[in-house]
Amino acid sequence: MTTPTSTRPLALVTGASSGIGYELAAQFVEHGFDLVIAAEDDGIELAAQKLRRDGGPQIWSVRADLAREQGVTELVAAVTATGRPLDALALNAGRGAGGAFVGGTDLADELEIVDLNVRSTVHLAKKLLPGMVERGTGRVLFTSSIASTMPGPFQAVYNASKSFVQSFAEALRNELKDTGVTVTSLMPGPTDTEFFDRADMEDTRVGSGKKDDPAKVAEQGFEAMMRGAQTITAGSLMNKVQTAAGKIIPDKLKSEQHRRMAEPGSGS
């Protein structure tokens, strides 16, 4: 797997089999990065095939369940096996589950959200950031969400997990400000991906409503990361308005607004 003679920078994208993650991977390929892409489903191999170009960057696909410690360990080993320094890191893998916390969702699903969205993000950052800091260069992108700015009735654990990611990213940015490593938080709104189907939220107002193009969201996120921006609220103008309003609207009101968007059956 080692290719020490390549002169291209190397990036890692998680959750890259579809949606925003796949489109982020496409951005890296377009801009001349060699790439390690990871996801837990077999679509990651198909994604790698679609991204490869004759004479283009090298792409390694890793099928790993990052909600499990073993999956994180396998992915770190795969990156190490390239024999290359990591120049960019896009921690994008995540999932949600819709429904009432009491009686509407399974504990196993909630704990998997914590393990994937929170635990794996911390684990991968802990393993991969030291090399960047040691070299004094690197770009890091965390996929957060505008959901991080509000309590999330009927998505309680998901929103809380994204609040963690947002706070974690901003704290690391401050810690690393003099190291040459930049940290950017990507905050998309509702995006046209498989998220709502997987989260069993297609019958909600947010699940059945208008969504942003994942390619555009990824393009905005990539550009923000490359210029070292702190955060980027990607997608529609409404997302930017919602993020700005979230700084002044009381949590009680934001909770009620989220309830109307995410309550099962609200899209009928």
C-alpha atoms as a PDB file:
ATOM      1  CA  MET A   1       0.000   0.000   0.000  1.00  0.00           C
ATOM      2  CA  THR A   2       2.941   2.334   0.569  1.00  0.00           C
ATOM      3  CA  THR A   3       3.548   4.872  -2.210  1.00  0.00           C
ATOM      4  CA  PRO A   4       6.294   7.138  -0.832  1.00  0.00           C
ATOM      5  CA  THR A   5       7.205   8.581  -4.236  1.00  0.00           C
ATOM      6  CA  SER A   6       3.902  10.412  -4.796  1.00  0.00           C
ATOM      7  CA  THR A   7       4.187  14.190  -4.736  1.00  0.00           C
ATOM      8  CA  ARG A   8       0.482  14.810  -4.216  1.00  0.00           C
ATOM      9  CA  PRO A   9      -0.863  15.761  -0.789  1.00  0.00           C
ATOM     10  CA  LEU A  10      -2.873  13.088   1.023  1.00  0.00           C
ATOM     11  CA  ALA A  11      -6.355  13.525   2.491  1.00  0.00           C
ATOM     12  CA  LEU A  12      -8.720  11.316   4.483  1.00  0.00           C
ATOM     13  CA  VAL A  13     -12.504  11.586   4.226  1.00  0.00           C
ATOM     14  CA  THR A  14     -14.841   9.557   6.447  1.00  0.00           C
ATOM     15  CA  GLY A  15     -18.448   8.782   5.621  1.00  0.00           C
ATOM     16  CA  ALA A  16     -17.445   9.023   1.962  1.00  0.00           C
ATOM     17  CA  SER A  17     -19.663   6.417   0.295  1.00  0.00           C
ATOM     18  CA  SER A  18     -22.448   8.920  -0.419  1.00  0.00           C
ATOM     19  CA  GLY A  19     -23.838  12.360   0.343  1.00  0.00           C
ATOM     20  CA  ILE A  20     -21.654  15.178   1.609  1.00  0.00           C
ATOM     21  CA  GLY A  21     -18.761  12.815   2.307  1.00  0.00           C
ATOM     22  CA  TYR A  22     -18.635  11.533  -1.267  1.00  0.00           C
ATOM     23  CA  GLU A  23     -18.825  15.075  -2.604  1.00  0.00           C
ATOM     24  CA  LEU A  24     -16.020  16.171  -0.281  1.00  0.00           C
ATOM     25  CA  ALA A  25     -13.938  13.303  -1.660  1.00  0.00           C
ATOM     26  CA  ALA A  26     -14.710  14.513  -5.181  1.00  0.00           C
ATOM     27  CA  GLN A  27     -13.483  17.980  -4.223  1.00  0.00           C
ATOM     28  CA  PHE A  28     -10.178  16.560  -3.005  1.00  0.00           C
ATOM     29  CA  VAL A  29      -9.754  14.547  -6.216  1.00  0.00           C
ATOM     30  CA  GLU A  30     -10.531  17.614  -8.326  1.00  0.00           C
ATOM     31  CA  HIS A  31      -7.861  19.562  -6.465  1.00  0.00           C
ATOM     32  CA  GLY A  32      -5.129  16.973  -6.881  1.00  0.00           C
ATOM     33  CA  PHE A  33      -5.081  15.131  -3.565  1.00  0.00           C
ATOM     34  CA  ASP A  34      -4.382  11.450  -3.152  1.00  0.00           C
ATOM     35  CA  LEU A  35      -7.154  10.087  -1.005  1.00  0.00           C
ATOM     36  CA  VAL A  36      -8.125   7.567   1.643  1.00  0.00           C
ATOM     37  CA  ILE A  37     -11.907   7.245   1.867  1.00  0.00           C
ATOM     38  CA  ALA A  38     -13.822   5.297   4.486  1.00  0.00           C
ATOM     39  CA  ALA A  39     -17.362   4.172   5.265  1.00  0.00           C
ATOM     40  CA  GLU A  40     -19.016   1.202   6.924  1.00  0.00           C
ATOM     41  CA  ASP A  41     -21.022   0.054   3.870  1.00  0.00           C
ATOM     42  CA  ASP A  42     -19.909  -1.669   0.695  1.00  0.00           C
ATOM     43  CA  GLY A  43     -20.747   1.466  -1.284  1.00  0.00           C
ATOM     44  CA  ILE A  44     -17.276   2.742  -0.407  1.00  0.00           C
ATOM     45  CA  GLU A  45     -15.709   0.526  -3.069  1.00  0.00           C
ATOM     46  CA  LEU A  46     -18.121   1.838  -5.700  1.00  0.00           C
ATOM     47  CA  ALA A  47     -17.379   5.391  -4.573  1.00  0.00           C
ATOM     48  CA  ALA A  48     -13.664   4.759  -5.067  1.00  0.00           C
ATOM     49  CA  GLN A  49     -14.289   3.420  -8.573  1.00  0.00           C
ATOM     50  CA  LYS A  50     -16.316   6.528  -9.485  1.00  0.00           C
ATOM     51  CA  LEU A  51     -13.637   8.857  -8.127  1.00  0.00           C
ATOM     52  CA  ARG A  52     -10.661   7.270  -9.880  1.00  0.00           C
ATOM     53  CA  ARG A  53      -9.310   8.906 -13.027  1.00  0.00           C
ATOM     54  CA  ASP A  54      -6.741   7.628 -15.523  1.00  0.00           C
ATOM     55  CA  GLY A  55      -3.460   9.179 -14.477  1.00  0.00           C
ATOM     56  CA  GLY A  56      -5.207  10.871 -11.573  1.00  0.00           C
ATOM     57  CA  PRO A  57      -4.769  10.740  -7.823  1.00  0.00           C
ATOM     58  CA  GLN A  58      -4.432   7.454  -5.990  1.00  0.00           C
ATOM     59  CA  ILE A  59      -7.473   6.423  -3.976  1.00  0.00           C
ATOM     60  CA  TRP A  60      -7.659   3.834  -1.247  1.00  0.00           C
ATOM     61  CA  SER A  61     -11.037   2.694   0.048  1.00  0.00           C
ATOM     62  CA  VAL A  62     -11.407   1.347   3.574  1.00  0.00           C
ATOM     63  CA  ARG A  63     -14.582  -0.364   4.710  1.00  0.00           C
ATOM     64  CA  ALA A  64     -14.679   0.168   8.461  1.00  0.00           C
ATOM     65  CA  ASP A  65     -17.444   0.644  11.017  1.00  0.00           C
ATOM     66  CA  LEU A  66     -16.262   3.746  12.844  1.00  0.00           C
ATOM     67  CA  ALA A  67     -18.928   3.303  15.510  1.00  0.00           C
ATOM     68  CA  ARG A  68     -16.680   0.492  16.758  1.00  0.00           C
ATOM     69  CA  GLU A  69     -13.216   1.029  18.219  1.00  0.00           C
ATOM     70  CA  GLN A  70     -11.828  -1.697  15.963  1.00  0.00           C
ATOM     71  CA  GLY A  71     -13.063   0.174  12.900  1.00  0.00           C
ATOM     72  CA  VAL A  72     -11.244   3.343  13.968  1.00  0.00           C
ATOM     73  CA  THR A  73      -8.090   1.336  14.611  1.00  0.00           C
ATOM     74  CA  GLU A  74      -8.333  -0.274  11.166  1.00  0.00           C
ATOM     75  CA  LEU A  75      -8.717   3.093   9.472  1.00  0.00           C
ATOM     76  CA  VAL A  76      -5.761   4.643  11.309  1.00  0.00           C
ATOM     77  CA  ALA A  77      -3.678   1.620  10.308  1.00  0.00           C
ATOM     78  CA  ALA A  78      -4.716   2.050   6.675  1.00  0.00           C
ATOM     79  CA  VAL A  79      -3.638   5.691   6.690  1.00  0.00           C
ATOM     80  CA  THR A  80      -0.331   4.761   8.324  1.00  0.00           C
ATOM     81  CA  ALA A  81       0.206   2.021   5.742  1.00  0.00           C
ATOM     82  CA  THR A  82       0.333   4.588   2.929  1.00  0.00           C
ATOM     83  CA  GLY A  83       3.690   5.675   4.346  1.00  0.00           C
ATOM     84  CA  ARG A  84       2.604   9.255   3.748  1.00  0.00           C
ATOM     85  CA  PRO A  85       1.951  12.282   5.935  1.00  0.00           C
ATOM     86  CA  LEU A  86      -1.694  13.314   6.147  1.00  0.00           C
ATOM     87  CA  ASP A  87      -2.221  16.819   4.779  1.00  0.00           C
ATOM     88  CA  ALA A  88      -5.989  17.122   5.169  1.00  0.00           C
ATOM     89  CA  LEU A  89      -8.580  15.396   7.321  1.00  0.00           C
ATOM     90  CA  ALA A  90     -12.359  15.578   6.796  1.00  0.00           C
ATOM     91  CA  LEU A  91     -14.176  13.950   9.707  1.00  0.00           C
ATOM     92  CA  ASN A  92     -17.610  13.666   8.157  1.00  0.00           C
ATOM     93  CA  ALA A  93     -19.059  10.304   9.240  1.00  0.00           C
ATOM     94  CA  GLY A  94     -22.268  10.584  11.217  1.00  0.00           C
ATOM     95  CA  ARG A  95     -25.848   9.400  11.518  1.00  0.00           C
ATOM     96  CA  GLY A  96     -29.100  10.302  13.209  1.00  0.00           C
ATOM     97  CA  ALA A  97     -32.302   8.736  14.492  1.00  0.00           C
ATOM     98  CA  GLY A  98     -35.674  10.443  14.559  1.00  0.00           C
ATOM     99  CA  GLY A  99     -38.442   9.901  17.073  1.00  0.00           C
ATOM    100  CA  ALA A 100     -39.306  10.492  20.700  1.00  0.00           C
ATOM    101  CA  PHE A 101     -36.458   9.610  23.051  1.00  0.00           C
ATOM    102  CA  VAL A 102     -38.919   7.865  25.374  1.00  0.00           C
ATOM    103  CA  GLY A 103     -40.787   5.192  23.462  1.00  0.00           C
ATOM    104  CA  GLY A 104     -39.858   6.265  19.947  1.00  0.00           C
ATOM    105  CA  THR A 105     -36.236   5.237  19.447  1.00  0.00           C
ATOM    106  CA  ASP A 106     -34.064   2.266  20.369  1.00  0.00           C
ATOM    107  CA  LEU A 107     -31.256   2.618  22.888  1.00  0.00           C
ATOM    108  CA  ALA A 108     -28.909   0.789  20.517  1.00  0.00           C
ATOM    109  CA  ASP A 109     -29.499   3.433  17.850  1.00  0.00           C
ATOM    110  CA  GLU A 110     -28.912   6.299  20.282  1.00  0.00           C
ATOM    111  CA  LEU A 111     -25.690   4.794  21.573  1.00  0.00           C
ATOM    112  CA  GLU A 112     -24.473   4.171  18.026  1.00  0.00           C
ATOM    113  CA  ILE A 113     -25.024   7.864  17.260  1.00  0.00           C
ATOM    114  CA  VAL A 114     -22.836   8.748  20.250  1.00  0.00           C
ATOM    115  CA  ASP A 115     -20.192   6.211  19.224  1.00  0.00           C
ATOM    116  CA  LEU A 116     -20.052   7.351  15.599  1.00  0.00           C
ATOM    117  CA  ASN A 117     -20.687  11.091  15.808  1.00  0.00           C
ATOM    118  CA  VAL A 118     -18.781  11.735  19.032  1.00  0.00           C
ATOM    119  CA  ARG A 119     -16.491   8.895  20.069  1.00  0.00           C
ATOM    120  CA  SER A 120     -15.018   8.144  16.637  1.00  0.00           C
ATOM    121  CA  THR A 121     -14.481  11.855  15.961  1.00  0.00           C
ATOM    122  CA  VAL A 122     -12.465  12.208  19.170  1.00  0.00           C
ATOM    123  CA  HIS A 123     -10.589   8.956  18.573  1.00  0.00           C
ATOM    124  CA  LEU A 124      -9.561   9.794  15.003  1.00  0.00           C
ATOM    125  CA  ALA A 125      -8.592  13.341  15.911  1.00  0.00           C
ATOM    126  CA  LYS A 126      -6.469  12.076  18.796  1.00  0.00           C
ATOM    127  CA  LYS A 127      -4.637   9.641  16.534  1.00  0.00           C
ATOM    128  CA  LEU A 128      -4.203  11.781  13.415  1.00  0.00           C
ATOM    129  CA  LEU A 129      -3.757  15.371  14.566  1.00  0.00           C
ATOM    130  CA  PRO A 130      -0.418  14.881  16.367  1.00  0.00           C
ATOM    131  CA  GLY A 131       1.344  14.116  13.080  1.00  0.00           C
ATOM    132  CA  MET A 132       0.030  17.316  11.548  1.00  0.00           C
ATOM    133  CA  VAL A 133       1.063  19.372  14.557  1.00  0.00           C
ATOM    134  CA  GLU A 134       4.530  17.793  14.552  1.00  0.00           C
ATOM    135  CA  ARG A 135       5.003  18.790  10.889  1.00  0.00           C
ATOM    136  CA  GLY A 136       3.479  22.229  11.472  1.00  0.00           C
ATOM    137  CA  THR A 137       0.937  21.987   8.676  1.00  0.00           C
ATOM    138  CA  GLY A 138      -2.492  20.559   7.967  1.00  0.00           C
ATOM    139  CA  ARG A 139      -6.149  21.238   7.231  1.00  0.00           C
ATOM    140  CA  VAL A 140      -8.959  19.713   9.315  1.00  0.00           C
ATOM    141  CA  LEU A 141     -12.687  19.828   8.544  1.00  0.00           C
ATOM    142  CA  PHE A 142     -15.345  18.652  10.999  1.00  0.00           C
ATOM    143  CA  THR A 143     -18.851  18.156   9.629  1.00  0.00           C
ATOM    144  CA  SER A 144     -21.057  19.706  12.275  1.00  0.00           C
ATOM    145  CA  SER A 145     -24.585  20.940  11.522  1.00  0.00           C
ATOM    146  CA  ILE A 146     -26.879  23.876  12.091  1.00  0.00           C
ATOM    147  CA  ALA A 147     -28.567  21.359  14.414  1.00  0.00           C
ATOM    148  CA  SER A 148     -25.656  22.014  16.771  1.00  0.00           C
ATOM    149  CA  THR A 149     -27.107  25.448  17.533  1.00  0.00           C
ATOM    150  CA  MET A 150     -30.404  24.224  19.017  1.00  0.00           C
ATOM    151  CA  PRO A 151     -31.963  21.575  21.257  1.00  0.00           C
ATOM    152  CA  GLY A 152     -33.511  18.862  19.080  1.00  0.00           C
ATOM    153  CA  PRO A 153     -36.834  17.415  20.205  1.00  0.00           C
ATOM    154  CA  PHE A 154     -37.384  14.133  18.315  1.00  0.00           C
ATOM    155  CA  GLN A 155     -33.688  14.218  17.373  1.00  0.00           C
ATOM    156  CA  ALA A 156     -32.430  14.713  20.903  1.00  0.00           C
ATOM    157  CA  VAL A 157     -29.242  12.641  20.758  1.00  0.00           C
ATOM    158  CA  TYR A 158     -28.315  13.679  17.213  1.00  0.00           C
ATOM    159  CA  ASN A 159     -28.499  17.403  17.935  1.00  0.00           C
ATOM    160  CA  ALA A 160     -26.588  16.929  21.169  1.00  0.00           C
ATOM    161  CA  SER A 161     -23.892  14.989  19.311  1.00  0.00           C
ATOM    162  CA  LYS A 162     -23.484  17.785  16.783  1.00  0.00           C
ATOM    163  CA  SER A 163     -23.290  20.353  19.588  1.00  0.00           C
ATOM    164  CA  PHE A 164     -20.371  18.301  20.903  1.00  0.00           C
ATOM    165  CA  VAL A 165     -18.678  18.242  17.497  1.00  0.00           C
ATOM    166  CA  GLN A 166     -19.105  21.989  17.098  1.00  0.00           C
ATOM    167  CA  SER A 167     -17.686  22.773  20.538  1.00  0.00           C
ATOM    168  CA  PHE A 168     -14.859  20.250  20.070  1.00  0.00           C
ATOM    169  CA  ALA A 169     -13.868  21.757  16.709  1.00  0.00           C
ATOM    170  CA  GLU A 170     -13.846  25.305  18.030  1.00  0.00           C
ATOM    171  CA  ALA A 171     -11.796  24.310  21.071  1.00  0.00           C
ATOM    172  CA  LEU A 172      -9.212  22.505  18.931  1.00  0.00           C
ATOM    173  CA  ARG A 173      -8.998  25.481  16.593  1.00  0.00           C
ATOM    174  CA  ASN A 174      -8.017  27.671  19.524  1.00  0.00           C
ATOM    175  CA  GLU A 175      -5.524  25.155  20.901  1.00  0.00           C
ATOM    176  CA  LEU A 176      -3.859  24.732  17.514  1.00  0.00           C
ATOM    177  CA  LYS A 177      -3.904  28.366  16.364  1.00  0.00           C
ATOM    178  CA  ASP A 178      -0.100  28.726  16.481  1.00  0.00           C
ATOM    179  CA  THR A 179       0.777  25.292  15.075  1.00  0.00           C
ATOM    180  CA  GLY A 180       0.167  25.715  11.347  1.00  0.00           C
ATOM    181  CA  VAL A 181      -2.838  23.358  11.552  1.00  0.00           C
ATOM    182  CA  THR A 182      -6.225  24.930  10.826  1.00  0.00           C
ATOM    183  CA  VAL A 183      -9.587  23.596  12.002  1.00  0.00           C
ATOM    184  CA  THR A 184     -12.835  24.389  10.192  1.00  0.00           C
ATOM    185  CA  SER A 185     -16.395  23.466  11.122  1.00  0.00           C
ATOM    186  CA  LEU A 186     -18.827  22.757   8.289  1.00  0.00           C
ATOM    187  CA  MET A 187     -22.429  23.500   9.303  1.00  0.00           C
ATOM    188  CA  PRO A 188     -24.913  22.287   6.687  1.00  0.00           C
ATOM    189  CA  GLY A 189     -28.668  22.463   7.004  1.00  0.00           C
ATOM    190  CA  PRO A 190     -31.081  19.874   5.572  1.00  0.00           C
ATOM    191  CA  THR A 191     -29.236  18.320   2.636  1.00  0.00           C
ATOM    192  CA  ASP A 192     -30.414  15.940  -0.082  1.00  0.00           C
ATOM    193  CA  THR A 193     -28.693  12.792   1.184  1.00  0.00           C
ATOM    194  CA  GLU A 194     -29.756   9.421   2.632  1.00  0.00           C
ATOM    195  CA  PHE A 195     -29.711  10.899   6.146  1.00  0.00           C
ATOM    196  CA  PHE A 196     -33.479  11.335   6.558  1.00  0.00           C
ATOM    197  CA  ASP A 197     -34.295   7.883   5.199  1.00  0.00           C
ATOM    198  CA  ARG A 198     -31.762   6.243   7.489  1.00  0.00           C
ATOM    199  CA  ALA A 199     -33.004   8.305  10.428  1.00  0.00           C
ATOM    200  CA  ASP A 200     -36.635   7.313   9.729  1.00  0.00           C
ATOM    201  CA  MET A 201     -37.594  10.979   9.302  1.00  0.00           C
ATOM    202  CA  GLU A 202     -39.119  11.124   5.839  1.00  0.00           C
ATOM    203  CA  ASP A 203     -42.592  11.813   7.293  1.00  0.00           C
ATOM    204  CA  THR A 204     -41.412  14.955   9.110  1.00  0.00           C
ATOM    205  CA  ARG A 205     -41.535  18.541   7.859  1.00  0.00           C
ATOM    206  CA  VAL A 206     -37.760  18.730   7.692  1.00  0.00           C
ATOM    207  CA  GLY A 207     -37.484  15.319   6.045  1.00  0.00           C
ATOM    208  CA  SER A 208     -40.064  16.052   3.361  1.00  0.00           C
ATOM    209  CA  GLY A 209     -39.072  19.673   2.770  1.00  0.00           C
ATOM    210  CA  LYS A 210     -36.639  21.368   0.414  1.00  0.00           C
ATOM    211  CA  LYS A 211     -33.010  20.370   0.809  1.00  0.00           C
ATOM    212  CA  ASP A 212     -29.621  21.617  -0.312  1.00  0.00           C
ATOM    213  CA  ASP A 213     -27.408  20.008  -2.943  1.00  0.00           C
ATOM    214  CA  PRO A 214     -24.665  17.977  -1.228  1.00  0.00           C
ATOM    215  CA  ALA A 215     -22.195  18.858  -3.994  1.00  0.00           C
ATOM    216  CA  LYS A 216     -22.651  22.565  -3.292  1.00  0.00           C
ATOM    217  CA  VAL A 217     -22.380  22.030   0.463  1.00  0.00           C
ATOM    218  CA  ALA A 218     -19.157  20.069  -0.027  1.00  0.00           C
ATOM    219  CA  GLU A 219     -17.703  22.685  -2.364  1.00  0.00           C
ATOM    220  CA  GLN A 220     -18.359  25.412   0.189  1.00  0.00           C
ATOM    221  CA  GLY A 221     -16.901  23.279   2.972  1.00  0.00           C
ATOM    222  CA  PHE A 222     -13.779  22.419   0.996  1.00  0.00           C
ATOM    223  CA  GLU A 223     -13.130  26.035   0.065  1.00  0.00           C
ATOM    224  CA  ALA A 224     -13.592  27.149   3.670  1.00  0.00           C
ATOM    225  CA  MET A 225     -11.203  24.470   4.905  1.00  0.00           C
ATOM    226  CA  MET A 226      -8.534  25.380   2.362  1.00  0.00           C
ATOM    227  CA  ARG A 227      -8.612  29.046   3.335  1.00  0.00           C
ATOM    228  CA  GLY A 228      -8.536  28.129   7.028  1.00  0.00           C
ATOM    229  CA  ALA A 229     -11.948  29.563   7.926  1.00  0.00           C
ATOM    230  CA  GLN A 230     -13.333  28.942  11.404  1.00  0.00           C
ATOM    231  CA  THR A 231     -16.861  27.930  10.375  1.00  0.00           C
ATOM    232  CA  ILE A 232     -18.967  27.792   7.235  1.00  0.00           C
ATOM    233  CA  THR A 233     -22.746  27.642   7.295  1.00  0.00           C
ATOM    234  CA  ALA A 234     -23.268  25.926   3.967  1.00  0.00           C
ATOM    235  CA  GLY A 235     -26.242  25.683   1.672  1.00  0.00           C
ATOM    236  CA  SER A 236     -29.186  28.053   1.497  1.00  0.00           C
ATOM    237  CA  LEU A 237     -29.491  31.580   2.816  1.00  0.00           C
ATOM    238  CA  MET A 238     -32.100  30.268   5.261  1.00  0.00           C
ATOM    239  CA  ASN A 239     -29.408  28.160   6.932  1.00  0.00           C
ATOM    240  CA  LYS A 240     -27.328  31.278   7.507  1.00  0.00           C
ATOM    241  CA  VAL A 241     -30.352  33.143   8.868  1.00  0.00           C
ATOM    242  CA  GLN A 242     -31.200  30.251  11.164  1.00  0.00           C
ATOM    243  CA  THR A 243     -27.636  30.051  12.474  1.00  0.00           C
ATOM    244  CA  ALA A 244     -27.495  33.780  13.140  1.00  0.00           C
ATOM    245  CA  ALA A 245     -30.912  33.772  14.804  1.00  0.00           C
ATOM    246  CA  GLY A 246     -29.864  30.838  16.943  1.00  0.00           C
ATOM    247  CA  LYS A 247     -27.384  33.064  18.748  1.00  0.00           C
ATOM    248  CA  ILE A 248     -30.138  35.269  20.164  1.00  0.00           C
ATOM    249  CA  ILE A 249     -33.311  33.135  20.269  1.00  0.00           C
ATOM    250  CA  PRO A 250     -33.886  31.428  23.655  1.00  0.00           C
ATOM    251  CA  ASP A 251     -33.432  27.648  23.755  1.00  0.00           C
ATOM    252  CA  LYS A 252     -37.057  27.179  24.806  1.00  0.00           C
ATOM    253  CA  LEU A 253     -38.264  28.796  21.595  1.00  0.00           C
ATOM    254  CA  LYS A 254     -35.715  26.968  19.464  1.00  0.00           C
ATOM    255  CA  SER A 255     -36.917  23.690  20.988  1.00  0.00           C
ATOM    256  CA  GLU A 256     -40.499  24.431  19.967  1.00  0.00           C
ATOM    257  CA  GLN A 257     -39.417  25.369  16.451  1.00  0.00           C
ATOM    258  CA  HIS A 258     -37.422  22.164  16.115  1.00  0.00           C
ATOM    259  CA  ARG A 259     -40.328  20.116  17.425  1.00  0.00           C
ATOM    260  CA  ARG A 260     -42.575  21.437  14.654  1.00  0.00           C
ATOM    261  CA  MET A 261     -39.984  20.428  12.057  1.00  0.00           C
ATOM    262  CA  ALA A 262     -38.949  17.019  13.420  1.00  0.00           C
ATOM    263  CA  GLU A 263     -42.026  15.547  15.114  1.00  0.00           C
ATOM    264  CA  PRO A 264     -43.084  12.282  13.428  1.00  0.00           C
ATOM    265  CA  GLY A 265     -45.995  12.880  11.058  1.00  0.00           C
ATOM    266  CA  SER A 266     -45.390  16.625  10.819  1.00  0.00           C
ATOM    267  CA  GLY A 267     -44.701  16.371   7.091  1.00  0.00           C
ATOM    268  CA  SER A 268     -48.185  15.037   6.305  1.00  0.00           C
END
